[in-house]
Amino acid sequence: MKLLFLNLLNDGGPFFTYPTFLMLLICIVLIVIALIKGDAEGKTRKLISHISLFALVWGFLGQMIGLIGAFDTIQAAGDISPSVLAAGLKIALLSPVFGMVTFLIARVGIIILTLAKK
């Protein structure tokens, strides 16, 4: 499982997936800290919100840059097989999916923090 996760991080483009993973870890740590210490002013919730939105956009930026590169390669090659195209599309989708997962986990954390607010 651990190896599969690392392979997905590398396949999705390390420049985009590793920072997204770091943002996920930061959001989780902030959620736990806010649950333990409290977040009376709402600053932590806002920070989690901003980081999660950044992770989402970062993932889609990775997809766009990856697709542009893939289409450049396809254009230069002229003709490619469907399996090569499918593999390229799978790789292009990993970065935004990871950004969406990060966004959703952080948003669930924000909902929990909002419900736990006294």
N, C-alpha and C. Protein backbone atom coordinates (compact mmCIF):
# COMPACT_ATOMS: atom_id res chain seq x y z
N MET A 1 0.83 -1.20 0.00
CA MET A 1 0.00 0.00 0.00
C MET A 1 0.87 1.26 0.00
N LYS A 2 1.90 1.24 0.87
CA LYS A 2 2.79 2.39 0.96
C LYS A 2 3.50 2.62 -0.36
N LEU A 3 3.96 1.54 -1.00
CA LEU A 3 4.66 1.65 -2.27
C LEU A 3 3.73 2.17 -3.36
N LEU A 4 2.48 1.70 -3.36
CA LEU A 4 1.50 2.17 -4.34
C LEU A 4 1.27 3.66 -4.18
N PHE A 5 1.16 4.13 -2.93
CA PHE A 5 0.93 5.55 -2.67
C PHE A 5 2.11 6.38 -3.18
N LEU A 6 3.33 5.92 -2.91
CA LEU A 6 4.51 6.64 -3.38
C LEU A 6 4.59 6.63 -4.90
N ASN A 7 4.21 5.52 -5.53
CA ASN A 7 4.19 5.47 -6.99
C ASN A 7 3.19 6.46 -7.57
N LEU A 8 2.03 6.58 -6.93
CA LEU A 8 1.04 7.55 -7.40
C LEU A 8 1.55 8.98 -7.25
N LEU A 9 2.24 9.24 -6.14
CA LEU A 9 2.81 10.58 -5.95
C LEU A 9 3.81 10.89 -7.04
N ASN A 10 4.65 9.93 -7.37
CA ASN A 10 5.65 10.14 -8.41
C ASN A 10 5.03 10.20 -9.80
N ASP A 11 4.04 9.36 -10.06
CA ASP A 11 3.39 9.34 -11.38
C ASP A 11 2.63 10.63 -11.67
N GLY A 12 2.07 11.23 -10.65
CA GLY A 12 1.29 12.45 -10.84
C GLY A 12 2.14 13.69 -11.04
N GLY A 13 3.42 13.55 -11.01
CA GLY A 13 4.32 14.69 -11.16
C GLY A 13 4.76 15.17 -9.79
N PRO A 14 5.95 14.80 -9.36
CA PRO A 14 6.40 15.13 -8.00
C PRO A 14 6.37 16.63 -7.70
N PHE A 15 6.58 17.45 -8.72
CA PHE A 15 6.57 18.90 -8.50
C PHE A 15 5.21 19.38 -8.02
N PHE A 16 4.15 18.67 -8.38
CA PHE A 16 2.81 19.07 -7.97
C PHE A 16 2.23 18.21 -6.85
N THR A 17 2.53 16.93 -6.85
CA THR A 17 1.89 16.06 -5.85
C THR A 17 2.54 16.14 -4.48
N TYR A 18 3.86 16.28 -4.41
CA TYR A 18 4.50 16.36 -3.10
C TYR A 18 4.11 17.63 -2.34
N PRO A 19 4.08 18.80 -2.98
CA PRO A 19 3.57 19.97 -2.24
C PRO A 19 2.11 19.82 -1.81
N THR A 20 1.31 19.17 -2.64
CA THR A 20 -0.09 18.93 -2.27
C THR A 20 -0.16 18.01 -1.06
N PHE A 21 0.69 17.00 -1.02
CA PHE A 21 0.74 16.11 0.14
C PHE A 21 1.16 16.88 1.39
N LEU A 22 2.13 17.78 1.24
CA LEU A 22 2.55 18.61 2.36
C LEU A 22 1.40 19.50 2.84
N MET A 23 0.64 20.06 1.91
CA MET A 23 -0.51 20.88 2.29
C MET A 23 -1.57 20.05 3.02
N LEU A 24 -1.75 18.80 2.59
CA LEU A 24 -2.68 17.91 3.28
C LEU A 24 -2.23 17.68 4.72
N LEU A 25 -0.96 17.39 4.91
CA LEU A 25 -0.44 17.18 6.26
C LEU A 25 -0.59 18.43 7.12
N ILE A 26 -0.32 19.60 6.55
CA ILE A 26 -0.46 20.86 7.29
C ILE A 26 -1.91 21.06 7.70
N CYS A 27 -2.83 20.80 6.79
CA CYS A 27 -4.26 20.95 7.12
C CYS A 27 -4.67 20.01 8.24
N ILE A 28 -4.22 18.77 8.18
CA ILE A 28 -4.58 17.81 9.22
C ILE A 28 -4.02 18.25 10.57
N VAL A 29 -2.76 18.70 10.58
CA VAL A 29 -2.15 19.17 11.83
C VAL A 29 -2.91 20.37 12.37
N LEU A 30 -3.27 21.31 11.51
CA LEU A 30 -4.01 22.49 11.95
C LEU A 30 -5.39 22.12 12.50
N ILE A 31 -6.04 21.15 11.88
CA ILE A 31 -7.35 20.71 12.36
C ILE A 31 -7.22 20.11 13.75
N VAL A 32 -6.24 19.25 13.94
CA VAL A 32 -6.03 18.61 15.25
C VAL A 32 -5.71 19.66 16.31
N ILE A 33 -4.82 20.59 15.98
CA ILE A 33 -4.46 21.65 16.94
C ILE A 33 -5.67 22.49 17.28
N ALA A 34 -6.48 22.83 16.28
CA ALA A 34 -7.67 23.65 16.55
C ALA A 34 -8.69 22.89 17.39
N LEU A 35 -8.78 21.58 17.18
CA LEU A 35 -9.70 20.79 18.01
C LEU A 35 -9.23 20.72 19.45
N ILE A 36 -7.92 20.63 19.64
CA ILE A 36 -7.38 20.51 21.00
C ILE A 36 -7.37 21.86 21.71
N LYS A 37 -6.85 22.88 21.06
CA LYS A 37 -6.69 24.20 21.70
C LYS A 37 -7.88 25.12 21.49
N GLY A 38 -8.66 24.86 20.48
CA GLY A 38 -9.77 25.74 20.18
C GLY A 38 -9.38 26.78 19.13
N ASP A 39 -10.39 27.36 18.53
CA ASP A 39 -10.17 28.36 17.48
C ASP A 39 -11.26 29.43 17.62
N ALA A 40 -11.18 30.17 18.70
CA ALA A 40 -12.24 31.13 19.02
C ALA A 40 -12.36 32.23 17.97
N GLU A 41 -11.24 32.68 17.44
CA GLU A 41 -11.28 33.79 16.47
C GLU A 41 -11.51 33.32 15.04
N GLY A 42 -11.38 32.03 14.79
CA GLY A 42 -11.60 31.50 13.45
C GLY A 42 -10.42 31.64 12.51
N LYS A 43 -9.26 32.04 13.03
CA LYS A 43 -8.09 32.22 12.17
C LYS A 43 -7.61 30.88 11.60
N THR A 44 -7.64 29.86 12.41
CA THR A 44 -7.17 28.55 11.95
C THR A 44 -8.09 28.01 10.86
N ARG A 45 -9.39 28.18 11.04
CA ARG A 45 -10.33 27.73 10.01
C ARG A 45 -10.09 28.45 8.69
N LYS A 46 -9.83 29.76 8.77
CA LYS A 46 -9.55 30.52 7.55
C LYS A 46 -8.26 30.05 6.90
N LEU A 47 -7.25 29.78 7.70
CA LEU A 47 -5.98 29.30 7.17
C LEU A 47 -6.15 27.94 6.49
N ILE A 48 -6.88 27.05 7.13
CA ILE A 48 -7.16 25.74 6.54
C ILE A 48 -7.92 25.90 5.22
N SER A 49 -8.87 26.81 5.22
CA SER A 49 -9.64 27.08 4.01
C SER A 49 -8.75 27.56 2.87
N HIS A 50 -7.86 28.49 3.17
CA HIS A 50 -6.97 29.03 2.14
C HIS A 50 -6.00 27.96 1.63
N ILE A 51 -5.44 27.18 2.54
CA ILE A 51 -4.49 26.14 2.13
C ILE A 51 -5.19 25.08 1.28
N SER A 52 -6.40 24.70 1.66
CA SER A 52 -7.12 23.68 0.90
C SER A 52 -7.49 24.17 -0.50
N LEU A 53 -7.88 25.42 -0.61
CA LEU A 53 -8.19 25.97 -1.92
C LEU A 53 -6.93 26.06 -2.78
N PHE A 54 -5.82 26.44 -2.17
CA PHE A 54 -4.56 26.49 -2.89
C PHE A 54 -4.18 25.10 -3.39
N ALA A 55 -4.37 24.07 -2.57
CA ALA A 55 -4.06 22.69 -2.98
C ALA A 55 -4.91 22.27 -4.17
N LEU A 56 -6.16 22.65 -4.16
CA LEU A 56 -7.06 22.32 -5.27
C LEU A 56 -6.58 22.97 -6.57
N VAL A 57 -6.30 24.25 -6.51
CA VAL A 57 -5.87 24.97 -7.70
C VAL A 57 -4.49 24.48 -8.15
N TRP A 58 -3.60 24.18 -7.20
CA TRP A 58 -2.28 23.66 -7.52
C TRP A 58 -2.39 22.35 -8.30
N GLY A 59 -3.33 21.49 -7.89
CA GLY A 59 -3.54 20.23 -8.60
C GLY A 59 -4.01 20.45 -10.03
N PHE A 60 -4.93 21.38 -10.22
CA PHE A 60 -5.40 21.65 -11.57
C PHE A 60 -4.34 22.34 -12.42
N LEU A 61 -3.50 23.14 -11.81
CA LEU A 61 -2.38 23.73 -12.54
C LEU A 61 -1.44 22.63 -13.03
N GLY A 62 -1.18 21.65 -12.16
CA GLY A 62 -0.35 20.52 -12.56
C GLY A 62 -0.95 19.75 -13.73
N GLN A 63 -2.27 19.60 -13.71
CA GLN A 63 -2.94 18.91 -14.80
C GLN A 63 -2.78 19.69 -16.10
N MET A 64 -3.00 20.98 -16.06
CA MET A 64 -2.92 21.78 -17.28
C MET A 64 -1.51 21.76 -17.87
N ILE A 65 -0.52 21.92 -17.02
CA ILE A 65 0.86 21.89 -17.51
C ILE A 65 1.21 20.51 -18.05
N GLY A 66 0.76 19.46 -17.36
CA GLY A 66 0.99 18.10 -17.84
C GLY A 66 0.31 17.82 -19.17
N LEU A 67 -0.91 18.28 -19.33
CA LEU A 67 -1.62 18.07 -20.59
C LEU A 67 -0.98 18.83 -21.74
N ILE A 68 -0.52 20.04 -21.47
CA ILE A 68 0.15 20.80 -22.51
C ILE A 68 1.41 20.06 -22.98
N GLY A 69 2.18 19.56 -22.02
CA GLY A 69 3.36 18.79 -22.37
C GLY A 69 3.02 17.52 -23.13
N ALA A 70 1.95 16.83 -22.71
CA ALA A 70 1.54 15.60 -23.38
C ALA A 70 1.08 15.88 -24.80
N PHE A 71 0.32 16.93 -24.98
CA PHE A 71 -0.15 17.26 -26.33
C PHE A 71 0.99 17.71 -27.23
N ASP A 72 1.98 18.38 -26.67
CA ASP A 72 3.17 18.72 -27.46
C ASP A 72 3.88 17.46 -27.94
N THR A 73 3.99 16.47 -27.05
CA THR A 73 4.63 15.20 -27.40
C THR A 73 3.82 14.46 -28.46
N ILE A 74 2.50 14.46 -28.31
CA ILE A 74 1.63 13.81 -29.29
C ILE A 74 1.77 14.50 -30.65
N GLN A 75 1.81 15.80 -30.64
CA GLN A 75 1.94 16.56 -31.88
C GLN A 75 3.27 16.24 -32.57
N ALA A 76 4.34 16.13 -31.79
CA ALA A 76 5.65 15.85 -32.37
C ALA A 76 5.72 14.41 -32.90
N ALA A 77 5.06 13.47 -32.20
CA ALA A 77 5.10 12.07 -32.62
C ALA A 77 4.21 11.82 -33.82
N GLY A 78 3.16 12.59 -33.93
CA GLY A 78 2.24 12.43 -35.05
C GLY A 78 1.13 11.44 -34.78
N ASP A 79 1.47 10.20 -34.53
CA ASP A 79 0.46 9.17 -34.31
C ASP A 79 0.88 8.32 -33.11
N ILE A 80 -0.04 8.16 -32.16
CA ILE A 80 0.26 7.35 -30.98
C ILE A 80 -0.85 6.33 -30.77
N SER A 81 -0.55 5.32 -30.00
CA SER A 81 -1.55 4.28 -29.73
C SER A 81 -2.51 4.74 -28.63
N PRO A 82 -3.71 4.19 -28.61
CA PRO A 82 -4.67 4.55 -27.57
C PRO A 82 -4.18 4.23 -26.16
N SER A 83 -3.39 3.16 -26.01
CA SER A 83 -2.90 2.81 -24.68
C SER A 83 -1.91 3.85 -24.16
N VAL A 84 -1.10 4.40 -25.03
CA VAL A 84 -0.17 5.46 -24.62
C VAL A 84 -0.95 6.71 -24.24
N LEU A 85 -1.99 7.04 -25.00
CA LEU A 85 -2.83 8.19 -24.68
C LEU A 85 -3.55 7.98 -23.35
N ALA A 86 -4.07 6.78 -23.12
CA ALA A 86 -4.77 6.50 -21.86
C ALA A 86 -3.82 6.60 -20.67
N ALA A 87 -2.60 6.11 -20.82
CA ALA A 87 -1.63 6.20 -19.73
C ALA A 87 -1.29 7.65 -19.43
N GLY A 88 -1.14 8.46 -20.47
CA GLY A 88 -0.86 9.88 -20.29
C GLY A 88 -2.00 10.62 -19.61
N LEU A 89 -3.22 10.30 -19.97
CA LEU A 89 -4.38 10.94 -19.35
C LEU A 89 -4.50 10.53 -17.88
N LYS A 90 -4.19 9.27 -17.59
CA LYS A 90 -4.23 8.82 -16.19
C LYS A 90 -3.25 9.61 -15.34
N ILE A 91 -2.07 9.79 -15.86
CA ILE A 91 -1.05 10.55 -15.13
C ILE A 91 -1.48 12.01 -14.97
N ALA A 92 -2.10 12.56 -16.00
CA ALA A 92 -2.54 13.96 -15.94
C ALA A 92 -3.65 14.16 -14.91
N LEU A 93 -4.41 13.12 -14.63
CA LEU A 93 -5.53 13.24 -13.69
C LEU A 93 -5.13 13.03 -12.24
N LEU A 94 -3.95 12.48 -11.98
CA LEU A 94 -3.55 12.20 -10.60
C LEU A 94 -3.37 13.47 -9.77
N SER A 95 -2.77 14.49 -10.33
CA SER A 95 -2.51 15.72 -9.58
C SER A 95 -3.80 16.43 -9.15
N PRO A 96 -4.78 16.63 -10.05
CA PRO A 96 -6.01 17.27 -9.58
C PRO A 96 -6.83 16.40 -8.63
N VAL A 97 -6.78 15.09 -8.82
CA VAL A 97 -7.52 14.21 -7.90
C VAL A 97 -6.93 14.34 -6.50
N PHE A 98 -5.60 14.37 -6.41
CA PHE A 98 -4.97 14.51 -5.10
C PHE A 98 -5.28 15.88 -4.50
N GLY A 99 -5.34 16.91 -5.33
CA GLY A 99 -5.74 18.24 -4.85
C GLY A 99 -7.17 18.24 -4.35
N MET A 100 -8.05 17.52 -5.04
CA MET A 100 -9.46 17.45 -4.61
C MET A 100 -9.60 16.69 -3.30
N VAL A 101 -8.84 15.61 -3.15
CA VAL A 101 -8.88 14.85 -1.90
C VAL A 101 -8.41 15.73 -0.74
N THR A 102 -7.33 16.46 -0.96
CA THR A 102 -6.84 17.39 0.07
C THR A 102 -7.89 18.43 0.41
N PHE A 103 -8.52 18.99 -0.61
CA PHE A 103 -9.57 20.00 -0.42
C PHE A 103 -10.72 19.42 0.40
N LEU A 104 -11.17 18.22 0.04
CA LEU A 104 -12.31 17.63 0.74
C LEU A 104 -11.99 17.28 2.19
N ILE A 105 -10.81 16.73 2.44
CA ILE A 105 -10.43 16.40 3.82
C ILE A 105 -10.37 17.67 4.66
N ALA A 106 -9.78 18.73 4.09
CA ALA A 106 -9.70 19.99 4.83
C ALA A 106 -11.10 20.58 5.07
N ARG A 107 -11.97 20.47 4.09
CA ARG A 107 -13.33 21.00 4.26
C ARG A 107 -14.12 20.22 5.30
N VAL A 108 -13.93 18.92 5.35
CA VAL A 108 -14.57 18.13 6.40
C VAL A 108 -14.05 18.57 7.76
N GLY A 109 -12.75 18.84 7.83
CA GLY A 109 -12.17 19.35 9.08
C GLY A 109 -12.76 20.68 9.48
N ILE A 110 -12.98 21.57 8.50
CA ILE A 110 -13.59 22.86 8.79
C ILE A 110 -15.02 22.67 9.31
N ILE A 111 -15.74 21.75 8.72
CA ILE A 111 -17.10 21.47 9.19
C ILE A 111 -17.07 20.96 10.63
N ILE A 112 -16.14 20.06 10.92
CA ILE A 112 -16.01 19.54 12.29
C ILE A 112 -15.66 20.67 13.26
N LEU A 113 -14.73 21.54 12.87
CA LEU A 113 -14.37 22.68 13.72
C LEU A 113 -15.54 23.62 13.95
N THR A 114 -16.34 23.83 12.91
CA THR A 114 -17.50 24.69 13.03
C THR A 114 -18.53 24.07 13.98
N LEU A 115 -18.73 22.78 13.87
CA LEU A 115 -19.68 22.10 14.75
C LEU A 115 -19.17 22.05 16.20
N ALA A 116 -17.86 21.97 16.36
CA ALA A 116 -17.29 21.88 17.71
C ALA A 116 -17.16 23.23 18.37
N LYS A 117 -17.38 24.29 17.61
CA LYS A 117 -17.24 25.64 18.17
C LYS A 117 -18.26 25.85 19.29
N LYS A 118 -17.79 26.43 20.38
CA LYS A 118 -18.64 26.60 21.55
C LYS A 118 -19.35 27.92 21.54
